[in-house]
Structure formats: structure tokens, C-alpha cells
């Protein structure tokens, strides 16, 4: 493979990556603004993990997908759920015990990285969603920023990079065309001087 072909492939890949980043940022920012905070894609909510209580399975700063629908009394030991605590903070922990009393269902939960179970059992009404097992490490930091006031600027970064890269590509292409025109002019002048 020649150097020219390698450059061409690198150029294409760079363009595709920047364009994909622009689309992803647009989806994250728009969906988080439209849903009032948490981005949602195809019925799954994307949540940011801000603590290390579920490490090593779910890293701090990860983006996880949770499914908010269904009966919140259906869970069993070992399921990972996202619930609202007394301080109205969202927490994602693993169920260690299911307790049923009459029509009421409560769950004892524990973070995989914690030494002890959570102090308070979780009422089934406080369960928001079930963790699907889908996680992307470190992307949560980006989503958290996207939900901030300055998050819309996230759209500008890949867009500006894409524009700069396009400008650079156009400039290089024009330079190549100019070189070829000069070579063509030189050959034409050489042909004229030979014929005269």
C-alpha cells in the first residue's frame, strides 16, 4: 500500500470519526434537554455512575443503560436496580435480599464494592429502573457535562474539528491541483520549445 493510499484511508477514517462524534453529541445533548435531564434512546435511559460502589463491574464515570418500564416488584436476588434514596439521589446497587410483607415488596441492596449492605431497605415504589448490563466506561463524565449549562458547547467541538479538517483537506487538494497545473504548464512549454 502506498503512502498516498494510507493518507487517503486516514483522511476518510478521521472524517467518519469526527462526523460520528458530532452525531453522538447531538443525540446526547438533544435527548437530555428534551427529556429534562437524562438522555433516553429506544426506551432505555442513560445514567451516569458517579461513585465507585459498583466497581469493578461498573466503573466510576461510566455511562450505563437502564430499563425503566415494568413491574418494580419483579426483581430477585442478584438483579442490579436503580432506585431513589431518601435524599432523592439515584443509586444503582445489587439486590441481596427480597422481603415481601403483605402487598409490599422491599429490597436489601449493596454496592459490589461496599463492605456492608445499604442501611435502609428499598421500597419497590422507589425503584426507577433495572440495569441492563450495558456500560461504557468514562463516557458518563461527558454526558454529565452535556447535561450542564455549557453542555450545548459539546456540539461545537466535533463540529469545529470537522470544519477545520475539511478546510485543511480542501487546502491540500487545491495545492495538489496547483502542482499538477504547474507540471502541465512546464510540459506544455517544453513541448513548445522543442517544436520551435
Protein backbone atom coordinates (compact mmCIF):
# COMPACT_ATOMS: atom_id res chain seq x y z
CA UNK A 1 0.00 0.00 0.00
CA UNK A 2 1.46 3.35 -0.99
CA UNK A 3 1.79 6.37 1.27
CA UNK A 4 -0.85 8.16 -0.78
CA UNK A 5 -3.37 5.36 -0.17
CA UNK A 6 -2.57 5.33 3.57
CA UNK A 7 -3.15 9.09 3.73
CA UNK A 8 -6.44 8.66 1.88
CA UNK A 9 -7.64 5.98 4.35
CA UNK A 10 -6.53 8.03 7.38
CA UNK A 11 -8.39 11.01 5.94
CA UNK A 12 -11.58 9.00 5.47
CA UNK A 13 -11.41 7.43 8.92
CA UNK A 14 -10.79 10.82 10.56
CA UNK A 15 -13.76 12.31 8.73
CA UNK A 16 -16.04 9.43 9.74
CA UNK A 17 -14.92 9.55 13.39
CA UNK A 18 -15.46 13.32 13.64
CA UNK A 19 -18.84 13.05 11.92
CA UNK A 20 -19.90 10.18 14.22
CA UNK A 21 -18.77 12.19 17.27
CA UNK A 22 -20.85 15.13 16.07
CA UNK A 23 -23.93 12.92 15.67
CA UNK A 24 -23.44 11.23 19.07
CA UNK A 25 -23.00 14.58 20.82
CA UNK A 26 -26.11 15.93 19.09
CA UNK A 27 -28.19 12.92 20.19
CA UNK A 28 -26.91 13.09 23.78
CA UNK A 29 -27.40 16.84 24.17
CA UNK A 30 -30.79 17.00 22.42
CA UNK A 31 -32.22 13.92 24.17
CA UNK A 32 -31.00 15.07 27.59
CA UNK A 33 -32.53 18.53 27.07
CA UNK A 34 -35.79 17.07 25.68
CA UNK A 35 -36.26 14.54 28.48
CA UNK A 36 -35.49 17.08 31.17
CA UNK A 37 -32.16 15.65 32.25
CA UNK A 38 -31.44 12.03 31.45
CA UNK A 39 -30.83 11.06 27.83
CA UNK A 40 -33.11 8.31 26.54
CA UNK A 41 -32.56 6.12 23.48
CA UNK A 42 -35.04 3.48 22.27
CA UNK A 43 -36.77 3.24 25.65
CA UNK A 44 -33.53 2.91 27.63
CA UNK A 45 -32.37 5.67 29.92
CA UNK A 46 -28.70 6.50 30.09
CA UNK A 47 -27.40 7.17 33.60
CA UNK A 48 -24.03 8.38 34.77
CA UNK A 49 -22.32 6.50 37.60
CA UNK A 50 -20.66 9.00 39.92
CA UNK A 51 -19.34 6.68 42.65
CA UNK A 52 -17.21 3.56 42.85
CA UNK A 53 -19.70 1.48 44.85
CA UNK A 54 -20.27 -0.97 41.98
CA UNK A 55 -16.65 -1.34 40.86
CA UNK A 56 -15.08 -3.27 39.20
CA UNK A 57 -18.21 -4.19 37.17
CA UNK A 58 -19.34 -0.59 36.76
CA UNK A 59 -16.50 1.95 36.86
CA UNK A 60 -16.84 5.47 38.23
CA UNK A 61 -17.71 7.81 35.37
CA UNK A 62 -19.32 5.06 33.30
CA UNK A 63 -22.47 5.51 31.28
CA UNK A 64 -25.00 2.74 31.92
CA UNK A 65 -28.28 1.85 30.25
CA UNK A 66 -31.29 1.09 32.45
CA UNK A 67 -34.80 -0.06 31.52
CA UNK A 68 -37.44 1.99 33.36
CA UNK A 69 -40.58 0.03 32.40
CA UNK A 70 -42.32 -2.90 34.03
CA UNK A 71 -43.42 -4.14 37.43
CA UNK A 72 -40.93 -2.98 40.04
CA UNK A 73 -41.89 -5.88 42.34
CA UNK A 74 -40.49 -8.49 39.93
CA UNK A 75 -36.83 -8.36 40.90
CA UNK A 76 -34.87 -11.16 42.60
CA UNK A 77 -31.56 -11.61 44.40
CA UNK A 78 -28.62 -10.63 42.20
CA UNK A 79 -30.52 -8.16 39.99
CA UNK A 80 -29.00 -4.69 39.74
CA UNK A 81 -31.53 -1.90 40.15
CA UNK A 82 -31.51 1.89 40.08
CA UNK A 83 -33.53 3.46 42.89
CA UNK A 84 -34.22 6.79 44.55
CA UNK A 85 -32.93 7.13 48.13
CA UNK A 86 -34.34 9.36 50.89
CA UNK A 87 -32.24 12.31 49.69
CA UNK A 88 -33.72 11.87 46.20
CA UNK A 89 -30.40 10.68 44.80
CA UNK A 90 -30.32 7.90 42.23
CA UNK A 91 -28.31 4.85 43.28
CA UNK A 92 -27.54 1.69 41.32
CA UNK A 93 -26.87 -1.34 43.56
CA UNK A 94 -27.34 -5.10 43.56
CA UNK A 95 -30.26 -6.77 45.38
CA UNK A 96 -29.09 -9.07 48.16
CA UNK A 97 -32.50 -9.98 49.60
CA UNK A 98 -36.15 -9.63 48.61
CA UNK A 99 -38.56 -9.04 51.50
CA UNK A 100 -42.33 -9.33 50.94
CA UNK A 101 -44.84 -8.30 53.57
CA UNK A 102 -48.48 -8.36 52.52
CA UNK A 103 -48.64 -6.50 49.21
CA UNK A 104 -45.45 -4.58 49.97
CA UNK A 105 -42.08 -5.59 48.47
CA UNK A 106 -38.75 -4.25 49.74
CA UNK A 107 -35.21 -4.96 48.63
CA UNK A 108 -32.00 -5.09 50.61
CA UNK A 109 -29.24 -3.74 48.39
CA UNK A 110 -25.47 -3.49 48.40
CA UNK A 111 -22.85 -1.98 46.16
CA UNK A 112 -20.48 -4.68 44.85
CA UNK A 113 -17.51 -2.67 46.12
CA UNK A 114 -19.06 -1.86 49.53
CA UNK A 115 -18.31 -3.85 52.69
CA UNK A 116 -21.87 -3.81 54.04
CA UNK A 117 -25.44 -3.68 52.79
CA UNK A 118 -27.20 -0.35 52.48
CA UNK A 119 -28.75 0.75 55.80
CA UNK A 120 -32.31 1.19 54.58
CA UNK A 121 -34.25 -1.37 52.52
CA UNK A 122 -35.62 -0.03 49.22
CA UNK A 123 -39.38 0.09 48.69
CA UNK A 124 -40.45 -1.22 45.28
CA UNK A 125 -42.11 2.18 44.63
CA UNK A 126 -38.67 3.81 44.85
CA UNK A 127 -37.16 1.57 42.17
CA UNK A 128 -36.72 3.59 38.99
CA UNK A 129 -35.26 1.02 36.59
CA UNK A 130 -33.29 -2.18 36.11
CA UNK A 131 -29.67 -2.16 34.97
CA UNK A 132 -29.36 -3.88 31.57
CA UNK A 133 -25.68 -4.81 31.78
CA UNK A 134 -24.70 -2.24 29.13
CA UNK A 135 -21.94 0.10 30.24
CA UNK A 136 -19.43 2.38 28.53
CA UNK A 137 -16.53 3.39 30.80
CA UNK A 138 -15.75 7.12 31.22
CA UNK A 139 -18.47 8.30 28.80
CA UNK A 140 -20.58 9.29 31.81
CA UNK A 141 -18.28 12.21 32.51
CA UNK A 142 -19.02 13.51 29.01
CA UNK A 143 -22.79 13.01 29.40
CA UNK A 144 -22.70 14.69 32.81
CA UNK A 145 -21.05 17.70 31.17
CA UNK A 146 -23.59 17.59 28.32
CA UNK A 147 -26.37 17.99 30.86
CA UNK A 148 -24.77 21.10 32.32
CA UNK A 149 -25.46 24.62 31.13
CA UNK A 150 -22.35 24.55 28.97
CA UNK A 151 -23.25 21.16 27.52
CA UNK A 152 -24.53 22.60 24.24
CA UNK A 153 -20.95 23.67 23.52
CA UNK A 154 -20.14 19.97 23.26
CA UNK A 155 -21.80 20.04 19.86
CA UNK A 156 -19.41 22.75 18.75
CA UNK A 157 -16.20 20.80 19.44
CA UNK A 158 -16.64 17.98 16.89
CA UNK A 159 -18.32 20.45 14.51
CA UNK A 160 -15.37 22.86 14.66
CA UNK A 161 -12.90 19.98 14.32
CA UNK A 162 -14.81 18.68 11.31
CA UNK A 163 -14.84 22.13 9.69
CA UNK A 164 -11.11 22.65 10.36
CA UNK A 165 -10.29 19.22 8.98
CA UNK A 166 -12.46 19.87 5.90
CA UNK A 167 -10.69 23.20 5.36
CA UNK A 168 -7.29 21.50 5.67
CA UNK A 169 -8.34 18.80 3.18
CA UNK A 170 -9.60 21.41 0.69
CA UNK A 171 -6.38 23.44 1.08
CA UNK A 172 -4.23 20.33 0.44
CA UNK A 173 -6.34 19.36 -2.57
CA UNK A 174 -6.03 22.86 -4.06
CA UNK A 175 -2.26 22.67 -3.52
CA UNK A 176 -2.11 19.33 -5.37
CA UNK A 177 -4.18 20.75 -8.25
CA UNK A 178 -1.87 23.77 -8.43
CA UNK A 179 1.21 21.49 -8.55
CA UNK A 180 -0.34 19.43 -11.35
CA UNK A 181 -1.22 22.59 -13.29
CA UNK A 182 2.37 23.84 -12.95
CA UNK A 183 3.69 20.48 -14.15
CA UNK A 184 1.26 20.61 -17.08
CA UNK A 185 2.35 24.17 -17.93
CA UNK A 186 6.02 23.16 -17.77
CA UNK A 187 5.43 20.20 -20.09
CA UNK A 188 3.50 22.45 -22.46
CA UNK A 189 6.38 25.00 -22.52
CA UNK A 190 8.92 22.20 -23.01
CA UNK A 191 6.83 20.86 -25.91
CA UNK A 192 6.69 24.34 -27.50
CA UNK A 193 10.45 24.91 -27.10
CA UNK A 194 11.18 21.51 -28.65
CA UNK A 195 8.92 22.18 -31.62
CA UNK A 196 10.42 25.59 -32.34
